[in-house]
Amino acid sequence: MANGNWDDAVASDEASGDNLMVGLAQGERHRKILREQVLVALSGVLISAFRSGESSMDKVNAEIDKAIQSVISNSKKDGMELDDKLLDILADASGKMLGIAEEWHAVKIILT
């Protein structure tokens, strides 16, 4: 890879315009190959982190859902009014977790 710098290696052949264009095209082709190799390697390294992250997010969502169900069932059982403020907090947390999960998935798609 010309000591890691394709642009310098290509630019040194400015004497011939045709050769320069071929060199530039080759440089981009090599950058594309290296880009793909880096993304594949990164994907392989990160796959377990993506899985554990998804598992953790699933656990958090499940616990939030259980808490919401508990608030509702206790309210019915005790004949008390629902704690709207607590439900709002839990719903907000659940919504934020959904947003995080969507972003997490988008990053996973980019890197795999």
N, C-alpha and C. Protein backbone atom coordinates (compact mmCIF):
# COMPACT_ATOMS: atom_id res chain seq x y z
N MET A 1 0.83 -1.18 0.00
CA MET A 1 0.00 0.00 0.00
C MET A 1 0.88 1.24 0.00
N ALA A 2 2.03 1.18 -0.54
CA ALA A 2 2.91 2.34 -0.66
C ALA A 2 3.12 3.02 0.69
N ASN A 3 3.52 2.25 1.67
CA ASN A 3 3.77 2.76 3.02
C ASN A 3 2.54 3.43 3.63
N GLY A 4 1.37 2.92 3.30
CA GLY A 4 0.15 3.41 3.92
C GLY A 4 -0.43 4.66 3.32
N ASN A 5 0.13 5.18 2.23
CA ASN A 5 -0.39 6.42 1.69
C ASN A 5 -0.49 6.34 0.17
N TRP A 6 -1.65 5.97 -0.31
CA TRP A 6 -1.84 5.82 -1.75
C TRP A 6 -1.77 7.15 -2.48
N ASP A 7 -2.28 8.19 -1.87
CA ASP A 7 -2.31 9.49 -2.56
C ASP A 7 -0.90 9.95 -2.89
N ASP A 8 0.06 9.81 -1.96
CA ASP A 8 1.44 10.21 -2.25
C ASP A 8 2.05 9.34 -3.34
N ALA A 9 1.78 8.06 -3.31
CA ALA A 9 2.34 7.15 -4.30
C ALA A 9 1.80 7.47 -5.69
N VAL A 10 0.52 7.79 -5.78
CA VAL A 10 -0.10 8.11 -7.06
C VAL A 10 0.36 9.48 -7.54
N ALA A 11 0.41 10.45 -6.66
CA ALA A 11 0.76 11.82 -7.05
C ALA A 11 2.19 11.93 -7.56
N SER A 12 3.06 10.99 -7.23
CA SER A 12 4.46 11.06 -7.67
C SER A 12 4.59 10.80 -9.16
N ASP A 13 3.55 10.35 -9.82
CA ASP A 13 3.60 10.03 -11.25
C ASP A 13 2.87 11.10 -12.05
N GLU A 14 3.04 12.36 -11.72
CA GLU A 14 2.32 13.43 -12.39
C GLU A 14 2.85 13.73 -13.78
N ALA A 15 3.99 13.21 -14.15
CA ALA A 15 4.57 13.50 -15.46
C ALA A 15 3.66 13.03 -16.58
N SER A 16 2.95 11.95 -16.38
CA SER A 16 2.08 11.41 -17.41
C SER A 16 0.64 11.44 -16.93
N GLY A 17 -0.20 12.20 -17.60
CA GLY A 17 -1.60 12.35 -17.20
C GLY A 17 -2.36 11.04 -17.22
N ASP A 18 -2.12 10.20 -18.25
CA ASP A 18 -2.82 8.92 -18.33
C ASP A 18 -2.43 8.02 -17.17
N ASN A 19 -1.15 7.96 -16.88
CA ASN A 19 -0.69 7.11 -15.78
C ASN A 19 -1.24 7.59 -14.45
N LEU A 20 -1.37 8.90 -14.31
CA LEU A 20 -1.90 9.46 -13.07
C LEU A 20 -3.35 9.01 -12.87
N MET A 21 -4.15 9.07 -13.92
CA MET A 21 -5.55 8.67 -13.80
C MET A 21 -5.68 7.19 -13.48
N VAL A 22 -4.83 6.37 -14.09
CA VAL A 22 -4.84 4.94 -13.78
C VAL A 22 -4.44 4.73 -12.33
N GLY A 23 -3.42 5.47 -11.89
CA GLY A 23 -2.97 5.36 -10.51
C GLY A 23 -4.04 5.78 -9.53
N LEU A 24 -4.74 6.85 -9.85
CA LEU A 24 -5.82 7.30 -8.97
C LEU A 24 -6.93 6.25 -8.88
N ALA A 25 -7.28 5.67 -10.02
CA ALA A 25 -8.30 4.63 -10.03
C ALA A 25 -7.84 3.42 -9.23
N GLN A 26 -6.58 3.04 -9.38
CA GLN A 26 -6.05 1.91 -8.62
C GLN A 26 -6.05 2.23 -7.12
N GLY A 27 -5.69 3.45 -6.78
CA GLY A 27 -5.68 3.84 -5.38
C GLY A 27 -7.05 3.71 -4.76
N GLU A 28 -8.07 4.15 -5.46
CA GLU A 28 -9.43 4.05 -4.93
C GLU A 28 -9.86 2.60 -4.83
N ARG A 29 -9.47 1.79 -5.80
CA ARG A 29 -9.80 0.36 -5.75
C ARG A 29 -9.17 -0.29 -4.53
N HIS A 30 -7.93 0.05 -4.27
CA HIS A 30 -7.24 -0.52 -3.11
C HIS A 30 -7.84 -0.01 -1.80
N ARG A 31 -8.22 1.26 -1.78
CA ARG A 31 -8.87 1.78 -0.58
C ARG A 31 -10.19 1.05 -0.33
N LYS A 32 -10.91 0.75 -1.41
CA LYS A 32 -12.18 0.04 -1.27
C LYS A 32 -11.94 -1.36 -0.71
N ILE A 33 -10.93 -2.05 -1.21
CA ILE A 33 -10.60 -3.38 -0.72
C ILE A 33 -10.22 -3.32 0.76
N LEU A 34 -9.37 -2.37 1.12
CA LEU A 34 -8.96 -2.23 2.52
C LEU A 34 -10.13 -1.85 3.41
N ARG A 35 -10.99 -0.98 2.92
CA ARG A 35 -12.18 -0.58 3.67
C ARG A 35 -13.03 -1.79 3.98
N GLU A 36 -13.25 -2.64 2.98
CA GLU A 36 -14.06 -3.84 3.18
C GLU A 36 -13.40 -4.79 4.16
N GLN A 37 -12.07 -4.94 4.05
CA GLN A 37 -11.35 -5.82 4.97
C GLN A 37 -11.44 -5.33 6.41
N VAL A 38 -11.31 -4.03 6.60
CA VAL A 38 -11.40 -3.47 7.96
C VAL A 38 -12.80 -3.68 8.52
N LEU A 39 -13.83 -3.43 7.72
CA LEU A 39 -15.20 -3.60 8.20
C LEU A 39 -15.52 -5.05 8.52
N VAL A 40 -15.01 -5.99 7.71
CA VAL A 40 -15.23 -7.41 7.99
C VAL A 40 -14.52 -7.81 9.28
N ALA A 41 -13.28 -7.35 9.45
CA ALA A 41 -12.53 -7.67 10.67
C ALA A 41 -13.22 -7.07 11.89
N LEU A 42 -13.65 -5.82 11.78
CA LEU A 42 -14.33 -5.16 12.89
C LEU A 42 -15.63 -5.87 13.23
N SER A 43 -16.36 -6.28 12.22
CA SER A 43 -17.60 -7.01 12.43
C SER A 43 -17.36 -8.30 13.21
N GLY A 44 -16.30 -9.02 12.83
CA GLY A 44 -15.98 -10.27 13.53
C GLY A 44 -15.62 -10.05 14.98
N VAL A 45 -14.91 -8.98 15.26
CA VAL A 45 -14.50 -8.67 16.63
C VAL A 45 -15.70 -8.22 17.46
N LEU A 46 -16.62 -7.50 16.85
CA LEU A 46 -17.73 -6.89 17.60
C LEU A 46 -18.98 -7.75 17.72
N ILE A 47 -19.05 -8.86 17.01
CA ILE A 47 -20.30 -9.63 16.99
C ILE A 47 -20.73 -10.06 18.38
N SER A 48 -19.79 -10.48 19.23
CA SER A 48 -20.17 -10.90 20.58
C SER A 48 -20.64 -9.69 21.40
N ALA A 49 -20.03 -8.54 21.19
CA ALA A 49 -20.46 -7.32 21.90
C ALA A 49 -21.87 -6.93 21.46
N PHE A 50 -22.17 -7.05 20.17
CA PHE A 50 -23.51 -6.74 19.70
C PHE A 50 -24.53 -7.70 20.33
N ARG A 51 -24.18 -8.99 20.38
CA ARG A 51 -25.10 -9.96 20.97
C ARG A 51 -25.33 -9.69 22.45
N SER A 52 -24.26 -9.45 23.19
CA SER A 52 -24.43 -9.21 24.62
C SER A 52 -25.17 -7.90 24.86
N GLY A 53 -24.92 -6.89 24.02
CA GLY A 53 -25.64 -5.63 24.15
C GLY A 53 -27.13 -5.80 23.90
N GLU A 54 -27.47 -6.57 22.88
CA GLU A 54 -28.87 -6.82 22.58
C GLU A 54 -29.53 -7.60 23.71
N SER A 55 -28.81 -8.56 24.26
CA SER A 55 -29.33 -9.34 25.37
C SER A 55 -29.57 -8.45 26.59
N SER A 56 -28.63 -7.56 26.87
CA SER A 56 -28.79 -6.64 28.00
C SER A 56 -29.97 -5.71 27.79
N MET A 57 -30.13 -5.20 26.59
CA MET A 57 -31.26 -4.31 26.31
C MET A 57 -32.58 -5.06 26.46
N ASP A 58 -32.61 -6.33 26.03
CA ASP A 58 -33.82 -7.13 26.19
C ASP A 58 -34.17 -7.30 27.67
N LYS A 59 -33.14 -7.54 28.50
CA LYS A 59 -33.38 -7.69 29.94
C LYS A 59 -33.91 -6.41 30.55
N VAL A 60 -33.33 -5.27 30.17
CA VAL A 60 -33.80 -3.98 30.70
C VAL A 60 -35.24 -3.75 30.29
N ASN A 61 -35.56 -3.98 29.02
CA ASN A 61 -36.94 -3.79 28.55
C ASN A 61 -37.91 -4.71 29.28
N ALA A 62 -37.51 -5.96 29.50
CA ALA A 62 -38.37 -6.91 30.21
C ALA A 62 -38.63 -6.45 31.64
N GLU A 63 -37.60 -5.94 32.31
CA GLU A 63 -37.78 -5.47 33.69
C GLU A 63 -38.66 -4.23 33.75
N ILE A 64 -38.50 -3.33 32.79
CA ILE A 64 -39.38 -2.15 32.75
C ILE A 64 -40.82 -2.58 32.53
N ASP A 65 -41.03 -3.52 31.61
CA ASP A 65 -42.39 -4.02 31.36
C ASP A 65 -42.98 -4.68 32.60
N LYS A 66 -42.16 -5.45 33.32
CA LYS A 66 -42.63 -6.08 34.56
C LYS A 66 -43.02 -5.01 35.59
N ALA A 67 -42.22 -3.97 35.70
CA ALA A 67 -42.52 -2.91 36.66
C ALA A 67 -43.84 -2.23 36.30
N ILE A 68 -44.06 -1.97 35.02
CA ILE A 68 -45.32 -1.35 34.59
C ILE A 68 -46.50 -2.25 34.93
N GLN A 69 -46.36 -3.54 34.63
CA GLN A 69 -47.44 -4.49 34.94
C GLN A 69 -47.68 -4.58 36.44
N SER A 70 -46.62 -4.51 37.22
CA SER A 70 -46.74 -4.56 38.67
C SER A 70 -47.50 -3.35 39.20
N VAL A 71 -47.18 -2.17 38.69
CA VAL A 71 -47.88 -0.95 39.12
C VAL A 71 -49.36 -1.08 38.80
N ILE A 72 -49.68 -1.57 37.61
CA ILE A 72 -51.08 -1.70 37.19
C ILE A 72 -51.80 -2.74 38.04
N SER A 73 -51.18 -3.91 38.22
CA SER A 73 -51.85 -4.97 38.98
C SER A 73 -52.00 -4.60 40.45
N ASN A 74 -50.99 -3.95 41.04
CA ASN A 74 -51.11 -3.53 42.44
C ASN A 74 -52.20 -2.49 42.62
N SER A 75 -52.32 -1.62 41.65
CA SER A 75 -53.35 -0.59 41.72
C SER A 75 -54.73 -1.24 41.69
N LYS A 76 -54.93 -2.21 40.83
CA LYS A 76 -56.21 -2.91 40.73
C LYS A 76 -56.49 -3.69 42.01
N LYS A 77 -55.46 -4.36 42.51
CA LYS A 77 -55.61 -5.20 43.69
C LYS A 77 -55.94 -4.36 44.93
N ASP A 78 -55.23 -3.24 45.07
CA ASP A 78 -55.42 -2.40 46.25
C ASP A 78 -56.56 -1.40 46.09
N GLY A 79 -57.08 -1.28 44.90
CA GLY A 79 -58.16 -0.34 44.65
C GLY A 79 -57.69 1.10 44.69
N MET A 80 -56.42 1.31 44.45
CA MET A 80 -55.86 2.67 44.46
C MET A 80 -55.78 3.20 43.04
N GLU A 81 -55.68 4.51 42.95
CA GLU A 81 -55.48 5.12 41.64
C GLU A 81 -54.08 4.78 41.14
N LEU A 82 -53.97 4.72 39.84
CA LEU A 82 -52.65 4.47 39.25
C LEU A 82 -51.72 5.63 39.55
N ASP A 83 -50.46 5.32 39.75
CA ASP A 83 -49.44 6.35 39.95
C ASP A 83 -48.99 6.81 38.56
N ASP A 84 -49.68 7.83 38.07
CA ASP A 84 -49.42 8.32 36.72
C ASP A 84 -47.98 8.80 36.54
N LYS A 85 -47.45 9.42 37.58
CA LYS A 85 -46.08 9.93 37.48
C LYS A 85 -45.09 8.77 37.31
N LEU A 86 -45.27 7.71 38.10
CA LEU A 86 -44.40 6.54 37.97
C LEU A 86 -44.57 5.88 36.61
N LEU A 87 -45.79 5.76 36.15
CA LEU A 87 -46.03 5.17 34.82
C LEU A 87 -45.40 6.01 33.72
N ASP A 88 -45.46 7.33 33.86
CA ASP A 88 -44.82 8.21 32.87
C ASP A 88 -43.31 8.00 32.85
N ILE A 89 -42.71 7.88 34.04
CA ILE A 89 -41.26 7.66 34.12
C ILE A 89 -40.89 6.34 33.46
N LEU A 90 -41.65 5.29 33.78
CA LEU A 90 -41.37 3.97 33.19
C LEU A 90 -41.61 3.96 31.68
N ALA A 91 -42.66 4.62 31.23
CA ALA A 91 -42.93 4.69 29.79
C ALA A 91 -41.83 5.47 29.07
N ASP A 92 -41.35 6.54 29.70
CA ASP A 92 -40.26 7.33 29.12
C ASP A 92 -38.99 6.47 29.02
N ALA A 93 -38.69 5.73 30.07
CA ALA A 93 -37.52 4.85 30.06
C ALA A 93 -37.66 3.78 28.97
N SER A 94 -38.86 3.23 28.85
CA SER A 94 -39.10 2.20 27.83
C SER A 94 -38.92 2.78 26.43
N GLY A 95 -39.42 3.98 26.20
CA GLY A 95 -39.26 4.63 24.90
C GLY A 95 -37.81 4.91 24.58
N LYS A 96 -37.06 5.37 25.58
CA LYS A 96 -35.63 5.63 25.37
C LYS A 96 -34.88 4.34 25.05
N MET A 97 -35.24 3.25 25.73
CA MET A 97 -34.61 1.97 25.44
C MET A 97 -34.91 1.51 24.02
N LEU A 98 -36.12 1.76 23.56
CA LEU A 98 -36.47 1.42 22.18
C LEU A 98 -35.60 2.21 21.21
N GLY A 99 -35.42 3.51 21.48
CA GLY A 99 -34.56 4.34 20.64
C GLY A 99 -33.12 3.85 20.64
N ILE A 100 -32.63 3.48 21.82
CA ILE A 100 -31.26 2.95 21.91
C ILE A 100 -31.14 1.66 21.11
N ALA A 101 -32.13 0.80 21.23
CA ALA A 101 -32.10 -0.47 20.50
C ALA A 101 -32.09 -0.24 18.99
N GLU A 102 -32.86 0.75 18.53
CA GLU A 102 -32.89 1.05 17.09
C GLU A 102 -31.54 1.58 16.62
N GLU A 103 -30.93 2.47 17.40
CA GLU A 103 -29.60 3.00 17.05
C GLU A 103 -28.56 1.89 17.10
N TRP A 104 -28.63 1.03 18.10
CA TRP A 104 -27.71 -0.11 18.24
C TRP A 104 -27.80 -0.98 16.99
N HIS A 105 -29.03 -1.25 16.57
CA HIS A 105 -29.22 -2.07 15.37
C HIS A 105 -28.65 -1.37 14.12
N ALA A 106 -28.84 -0.06 14.04
CA ALA A 106 -28.32 0.68 12.89
C ALA A 106 -26.79 0.61 12.84
N VAL A 107 -26.14 0.73 13.99
CA VAL A 107 -24.68 0.61 14.04
C VAL A 107 -24.27 -0.80 13.64
N LYS A 108 -24.99 -1.79 14.13
CA LYS A 108 -24.69 -3.18 13.78
C LYS A 108 -24.77 -3.40 12.28
N ILE A 109 -25.79 -2.85 11.65
CA ILE A 109 -25.96 -2.98 10.20
C ILE A 109 -24.80 -2.31 9.46
N ILE A 110 -24.39 -1.13 9.93
CA ILE A 110 -23.28 -0.42 9.29
C ILE A 110 -22.00 -1.25 9.34
N LEU A 111 -21.75 -1.88 10.47
CA LEU A 111 -20.47 -2.56 10.68
C LEU A 111 -20.46 -4.03 10.30
N THR A 112 -21.61 -4.55 9.87
CA THR A 112 -21.63 -5.98 9.50
C THR A 112 -22.02 -6.17 8.05
